N, C-alpha and C. Protein backbone atom coordinates (compact mmCIF):
# COMPACT_ATOMS: atom_id res chain seq x y z
N MET A 1 16.63 -12.52 -36.64
CA MET A 1 16.03 -11.20 -36.71
C MET A 1 14.54 -11.33 -36.99
N SER A 2 13.77 -10.61 -36.24
CA SER A 2 12.32 -10.68 -36.37
C SER A 2 11.85 -9.98 -37.64
N ASN A 3 10.81 -10.52 -38.24
CA ASN A 3 10.21 -9.91 -39.42
C ASN A 3 8.95 -9.15 -39.06
N THR A 4 8.85 -8.73 -37.80
CA THR A 4 7.70 -7.93 -37.38
C THR A 4 8.18 -6.73 -36.57
N ILE A 5 7.41 -5.68 -36.65
CA ILE A 5 7.62 -4.50 -35.81
C ILE A 5 6.28 -4.20 -35.16
N TYR A 6 6.24 -4.30 -33.85
CA TYR A 6 5.00 -4.06 -33.08
C TYR A 6 3.82 -4.82 -33.67
N GLY A 7 4.07 -6.06 -34.05
CA GLY A 7 3.00 -6.92 -34.54
C GLY A 7 2.72 -6.82 -36.03
N VAL A 8 3.41 -5.94 -36.74
CA VAL A 8 3.19 -5.77 -38.18
C VAL A 8 4.20 -6.63 -38.92
N ASP A 9 3.69 -7.54 -39.76
CA ASP A 9 4.53 -8.44 -40.55
C ASP A 9 5.18 -7.65 -41.68
N LEU A 10 6.49 -7.58 -41.67
CA LEU A 10 7.22 -6.81 -42.67
C LEU A 10 7.26 -7.49 -44.04
N ASN A 11 6.84 -8.74 -44.08
CA ASN A 11 6.81 -9.47 -45.35
C ASN A 11 5.48 -9.30 -46.08
N GLN A 12 4.56 -8.56 -45.49
CA GLN A 12 3.25 -8.33 -46.08
C GLN A 12 3.10 -6.84 -46.40
N GLU A 13 2.09 -6.52 -47.20
CA GLU A 13 1.78 -5.12 -47.47
C GLU A 13 1.38 -4.46 -46.15
N VAL A 14 1.91 -3.29 -45.90
CA VAL A 14 1.62 -2.56 -44.66
C VAL A 14 0.55 -1.52 -44.94
N LYS A 15 -0.47 -1.52 -44.12
CA LYS A 15 -1.59 -0.59 -44.26
C LYS A 15 -1.54 0.47 -43.15
N PRO A 16 -2.07 1.66 -43.41
CA PRO A 16 -2.04 2.72 -42.40
C PRO A 16 -2.65 2.31 -41.06
N GLU A 17 -3.71 1.51 -41.09
CA GLU A 17 -4.35 1.08 -39.84
C GLU A 17 -3.39 0.22 -39.02
N GLN A 18 -2.56 -0.57 -39.68
CA GLN A 18 -1.59 -1.39 -38.97
C GLN A 18 -0.52 -0.52 -38.32
N VAL A 19 -0.10 0.52 -39.01
CA VAL A 19 0.90 1.42 -38.44
C VAL A 19 0.31 2.17 -37.25
N ARG A 20 -0.93 2.61 -37.37
CA ARG A 20 -1.62 3.26 -36.25
C ARG A 20 -1.65 2.34 -35.04
N ASP A 21 -2.05 1.09 -35.25
CA ASP A 21 -2.11 0.13 -34.15
C ASP A 21 -0.72 -0.15 -33.58
N ALA A 22 0.28 -0.15 -34.45
CA ALA A 22 1.66 -0.34 -34.00
C ALA A 22 2.09 0.83 -33.12
N MET A 23 1.60 2.02 -33.42
CA MET A 23 1.93 3.19 -32.60
C MET A 23 1.40 3.03 -31.18
N VAL A 24 0.21 2.47 -31.06
CA VAL A 24 -0.36 2.22 -29.73
C VAL A 24 0.53 1.23 -28.99
N GLU A 25 0.89 0.15 -29.67
CA GLU A 25 1.75 -0.87 -29.05
C GLU A 25 3.11 -0.28 -28.71
N CYS A 26 3.64 0.55 -29.58
CA CYS A 26 4.93 1.20 -29.35
C CYS A 26 4.87 2.07 -28.10
N PHE A 27 3.85 2.91 -28.02
CA PHE A 27 3.72 3.82 -26.88
C PHE A 27 3.59 3.02 -25.59
N TYR A 28 2.85 1.92 -25.65
CA TYR A 28 2.67 1.07 -24.48
C TYR A 28 3.99 0.39 -24.09
N SER A 29 4.68 -0.18 -25.06
CA SER A 29 5.90 -0.92 -24.75
C SER A 29 7.06 -0.01 -24.39
N ALA A 30 7.05 1.24 -24.83
CA ALA A 30 8.13 2.17 -24.50
C ALA A 30 8.22 2.38 -22.99
N GLN A 31 7.10 2.32 -22.33
CA GLN A 31 7.08 2.49 -20.87
C GLN A 31 7.86 1.38 -20.19
N LYS A 32 7.72 0.17 -20.71
CA LYS A 32 8.39 -0.97 -20.10
C LYS A 32 9.90 -0.87 -20.24
N GLY A 33 10.34 -0.16 -21.30
CA GLY A 33 11.77 -0.04 -21.54
C GLY A 33 12.42 1.13 -20.83
N ASP A 34 11.64 1.89 -20.07
CA ASP A 34 12.17 3.07 -19.39
C ASP A 34 12.50 2.71 -17.94
N PRO A 35 13.79 2.56 -17.62
CA PRO A 35 14.17 2.16 -16.26
C PRO A 35 13.87 3.23 -15.21
N ASN A 36 13.64 4.46 -15.64
CA ASN A 36 13.39 5.54 -14.69
C ASN A 36 11.91 5.73 -14.38
N LEU A 37 11.06 4.96 -15.07
CA LEU A 37 9.62 5.11 -14.87
C LEU A 37 9.19 4.42 -13.58
N ILE A 38 8.45 5.13 -12.78
CA ILE A 38 7.88 4.55 -11.56
C ILE A 38 6.71 3.68 -12.00
N SER A 39 6.70 2.42 -11.58
CA SER A 39 5.70 1.47 -12.08
C SER A 39 4.28 1.95 -11.91
N GLY A 40 3.99 2.71 -10.88
CA GLY A 40 2.64 3.21 -10.67
C GLY A 40 2.20 4.23 -11.71
N LEU A 41 3.15 4.73 -12.49
CA LEU A 41 2.84 5.72 -13.52
C LEU A 41 2.61 5.09 -14.88
N MET A 42 2.72 3.78 -14.96
CA MET A 42 2.54 3.12 -16.24
C MET A 42 1.10 3.20 -16.69
N LEU A 43 0.92 3.53 -17.96
CA LEU A 43 -0.41 3.62 -18.55
C LEU A 43 -0.87 2.25 -19.03
N SER A 44 -2.17 2.03 -19.01
CA SER A 44 -2.73 0.81 -19.58
C SER A 44 -2.71 0.92 -21.10
N ARG A 45 -2.93 -0.18 -21.78
CA ARG A 45 -2.99 -0.17 -23.25
C ARG A 45 -4.11 0.77 -23.71
N GLU A 46 -5.24 0.77 -23.00
CA GLU A 46 -6.36 1.64 -23.35
C GLU A 46 -5.97 3.11 -23.20
N GLU A 47 -5.24 3.43 -22.13
CA GLU A 47 -4.78 4.81 -21.94
C GLU A 47 -3.79 5.21 -23.02
N CYS A 48 -2.96 4.27 -23.43
CA CYS A 48 -2.01 4.54 -24.52
C CYS A 48 -2.76 4.79 -25.82
N GLU A 49 -3.80 4.01 -26.07
CA GLU A 49 -4.61 4.23 -27.27
C GLU A 49 -5.25 5.62 -27.23
N ALA A 50 -5.73 6.02 -26.06
CA ALA A 50 -6.32 7.36 -25.93
C ALA A 50 -5.28 8.44 -26.22
N MET A 51 -4.05 8.22 -25.79
CA MET A 51 -2.97 9.18 -26.06
C MET A 51 -2.68 9.26 -27.56
N VAL A 52 -2.67 8.11 -28.23
CA VAL A 52 -2.42 8.09 -29.67
C VAL A 52 -3.58 8.77 -30.40
N LYS A 53 -4.81 8.53 -29.96
CA LYS A 53 -5.97 9.21 -30.56
C LYS A 53 -5.83 10.73 -30.42
N LYS A 54 -5.42 11.16 -29.24
CA LYS A 54 -5.23 12.59 -29.00
C LYS A 54 -4.12 13.14 -29.89
N ALA A 55 -3.07 12.36 -30.11
CA ALA A 55 -1.97 12.80 -30.97
C ALA A 55 -2.44 12.94 -32.42
N PHE A 56 -3.29 12.03 -32.87
CA PHE A 56 -3.84 12.15 -34.23
C PHE A 56 -4.66 13.43 -34.34
N SER A 57 -5.50 13.65 -33.36
CA SER A 57 -6.34 14.84 -33.36
C SER A 57 -5.49 16.11 -33.32
N GLY A 58 -4.49 16.12 -32.45
CA GLY A 58 -3.60 17.27 -32.33
C GLY A 58 -2.80 17.55 -33.58
N GLY A 59 -2.57 16.51 -34.35
CA GLY A 59 -1.83 16.67 -35.61
C GLY A 59 -2.74 16.89 -36.81
N GLY A 60 -4.04 17.06 -36.53
CA GLY A 60 -4.99 17.32 -37.61
C GLY A 60 -5.45 16.07 -38.34
N GLY A 61 -5.20 14.90 -37.78
CA GLY A 61 -5.58 13.65 -38.44
C GLY A 61 -6.77 12.98 -37.80
N ASP A 62 -7.14 11.85 -38.36
CA ASP A 62 -8.27 11.06 -37.89
C ASP A 62 -7.76 9.67 -37.52
N PHE A 63 -7.84 9.33 -36.25
CA PHE A 63 -7.37 8.03 -35.76
C PHE A 63 -8.02 6.88 -36.52
N ASN A 64 -9.31 7.03 -36.85
CA ASN A 64 -10.04 5.94 -37.50
C ASN A 64 -9.76 5.83 -38.99
N ASN A 65 -9.20 6.87 -39.59
CA ASN A 65 -8.87 6.87 -41.01
C ASN A 65 -7.46 7.43 -41.20
N PRO A 66 -6.46 6.70 -40.71
CA PRO A 66 -5.10 7.23 -40.77
C PRO A 66 -4.54 7.28 -42.19
N THR A 67 -3.71 8.27 -42.41
CA THR A 67 -2.96 8.39 -43.66
C THR A 67 -1.48 8.46 -43.28
N LYS A 68 -0.63 8.33 -44.26
CA LYS A 68 0.80 8.45 -44.00
C LYS A 68 1.11 9.79 -43.34
N GLU A 69 0.50 10.84 -43.86
CA GLU A 69 0.75 12.18 -43.33
C GLU A 69 0.25 12.33 -41.90
N SER A 70 -0.95 11.81 -41.62
CA SER A 70 -1.49 11.95 -40.27
C SER A 70 -0.72 11.09 -39.27
N ILE A 71 -0.20 9.97 -39.72
CA ILE A 71 0.63 9.12 -38.87
C ILE A 71 1.91 9.86 -38.50
N MET A 72 2.53 10.49 -39.49
CA MET A 72 3.77 11.22 -39.22
C MET A 72 3.53 12.40 -38.27
N ALA A 73 2.41 13.09 -38.46
CA ALA A 73 2.08 14.22 -37.58
C ALA A 73 1.80 13.72 -36.16
N ALA A 74 1.09 12.61 -36.03
CA ALA A 74 0.80 12.05 -34.71
C ALA A 74 2.09 11.57 -34.04
N LEU A 75 2.98 11.01 -34.81
CA LEU A 75 4.26 10.55 -34.25
C LEU A 75 5.03 11.74 -33.67
N GLN A 76 5.02 12.86 -34.36
CA GLN A 76 5.69 14.06 -33.84
C GLN A 76 5.02 14.54 -32.55
N GLN A 77 3.69 14.49 -32.51
CA GLN A 77 2.95 14.87 -31.30
C GLN A 77 3.36 13.97 -30.12
N LEU A 78 3.44 12.67 -30.39
CA LEU A 78 3.79 11.73 -29.32
C LEU A 78 5.23 11.92 -28.86
N LYS A 79 6.13 12.17 -29.79
CA LYS A 79 7.52 12.41 -29.42
C LYS A 79 7.63 13.65 -28.54
N SER A 80 6.92 14.68 -28.90
CA SER A 80 6.94 15.92 -28.13
C SER A 80 6.40 15.69 -26.72
N PHE A 81 5.28 14.99 -26.64
CA PHE A 81 4.66 14.69 -25.35
C PHE A 81 5.60 13.84 -24.49
N ALA A 82 6.09 12.75 -25.05
CA ALA A 82 6.93 11.83 -24.29
C ALA A 82 8.25 12.47 -23.89
N GLY A 83 8.70 13.44 -24.67
CA GLY A 83 9.96 14.10 -24.38
C GLY A 83 9.98 14.85 -23.06
N ARG A 84 8.82 15.09 -22.52
CA ARG A 84 8.74 15.79 -21.24
C ARG A 84 9.11 14.91 -20.05
N PHE A 85 9.03 13.59 -20.23
CA PHE A 85 9.28 12.73 -19.08
C PHE A 85 9.92 11.38 -19.41
N ARG A 86 10.26 11.15 -20.65
CA ARG A 86 10.91 9.90 -21.04
C ARG A 86 12.34 10.16 -21.50
N ASP A 87 13.14 9.15 -21.43
CA ASP A 87 14.52 9.19 -21.90
C ASP A 87 14.51 9.43 -23.41
N PRO A 88 15.20 10.47 -23.90
CA PRO A 88 15.21 10.78 -25.34
C PRO A 88 15.71 9.62 -26.20
N GLU A 89 16.63 8.83 -25.70
CA GLU A 89 17.14 7.69 -26.48
C GLU A 89 16.04 6.65 -26.68
N ILE A 90 15.23 6.43 -25.67
CA ILE A 90 14.13 5.46 -25.79
C ILE A 90 13.11 5.99 -26.79
N ILE A 91 12.80 7.27 -26.71
CA ILE A 91 11.83 7.87 -27.64
C ILE A 91 12.31 7.72 -29.08
N GLU A 92 13.56 8.06 -29.33
CA GLU A 92 14.09 7.99 -30.69
C GLU A 92 14.15 6.56 -31.20
N ALA A 93 14.51 5.62 -30.35
CA ALA A 93 14.57 4.22 -30.77
C ALA A 93 13.19 3.72 -31.20
N HIS A 94 12.17 4.05 -30.44
CA HIS A 94 10.82 3.62 -30.79
C HIS A 94 10.31 4.37 -32.02
N ALA A 95 10.62 5.64 -32.13
CA ALA A 95 10.19 6.42 -33.29
C ALA A 95 10.82 5.87 -34.58
N ARG A 96 12.07 5.46 -34.49
CA ARG A 96 12.73 4.87 -35.67
C ARG A 96 12.01 3.60 -36.13
N GLU A 97 11.58 2.80 -35.18
CA GLU A 97 10.86 1.57 -35.52
C GLU A 97 9.54 1.90 -36.24
N VAL A 98 8.81 2.86 -35.71
CA VAL A 98 7.55 3.25 -36.35
C VAL A 98 7.83 3.83 -37.74
N MET A 99 8.88 4.61 -37.88
CA MET A 99 9.20 5.20 -39.19
C MET A 99 9.54 4.14 -40.22
N LYS A 100 10.10 3.01 -39.80
CA LYS A 100 10.33 1.90 -40.74
C LYS A 100 9.01 1.44 -41.34
N LEU A 101 7.97 1.42 -40.50
CA LEU A 101 6.64 1.03 -40.99
C LEU A 101 6.06 2.10 -41.89
N VAL A 102 6.23 3.36 -41.50
CA VAL A 102 5.71 4.48 -42.31
C VAL A 102 6.34 4.43 -43.70
N GLU A 103 7.61 4.16 -43.76
CA GLU A 103 8.31 4.09 -45.05
C GLU A 103 7.79 2.98 -45.95
N MET A 104 7.13 2.01 -45.37
CA MET A 104 6.58 0.89 -46.15
C MET A 104 5.18 1.19 -46.71
N LEU A 105 4.61 2.33 -46.29
CA LEU A 105 3.27 2.69 -46.79
C LEU A 105 3.33 3.14 -48.23
């Protein structure tokens, strides 16, 4: 069993910036796990980061200074957005992984 989630070492203290970065990686990797996604619709890592930044803003948070609360709000924004075109099971599986990190804050 891996001791990391989206590059965050679970054996170390988890910081909000690490969870934010994990959200970018999560959003990027979720695309790869969606068998219904047309490959031409896949976003780049930079585009995924822009989506996460927008989610922080939409949730009233600051991407550059994340807090536990702003991370949770951004996660809800991303779930809502992704729910329009992604498999709900994939969304929930990735959200659970991010929430494990949030719980460590």
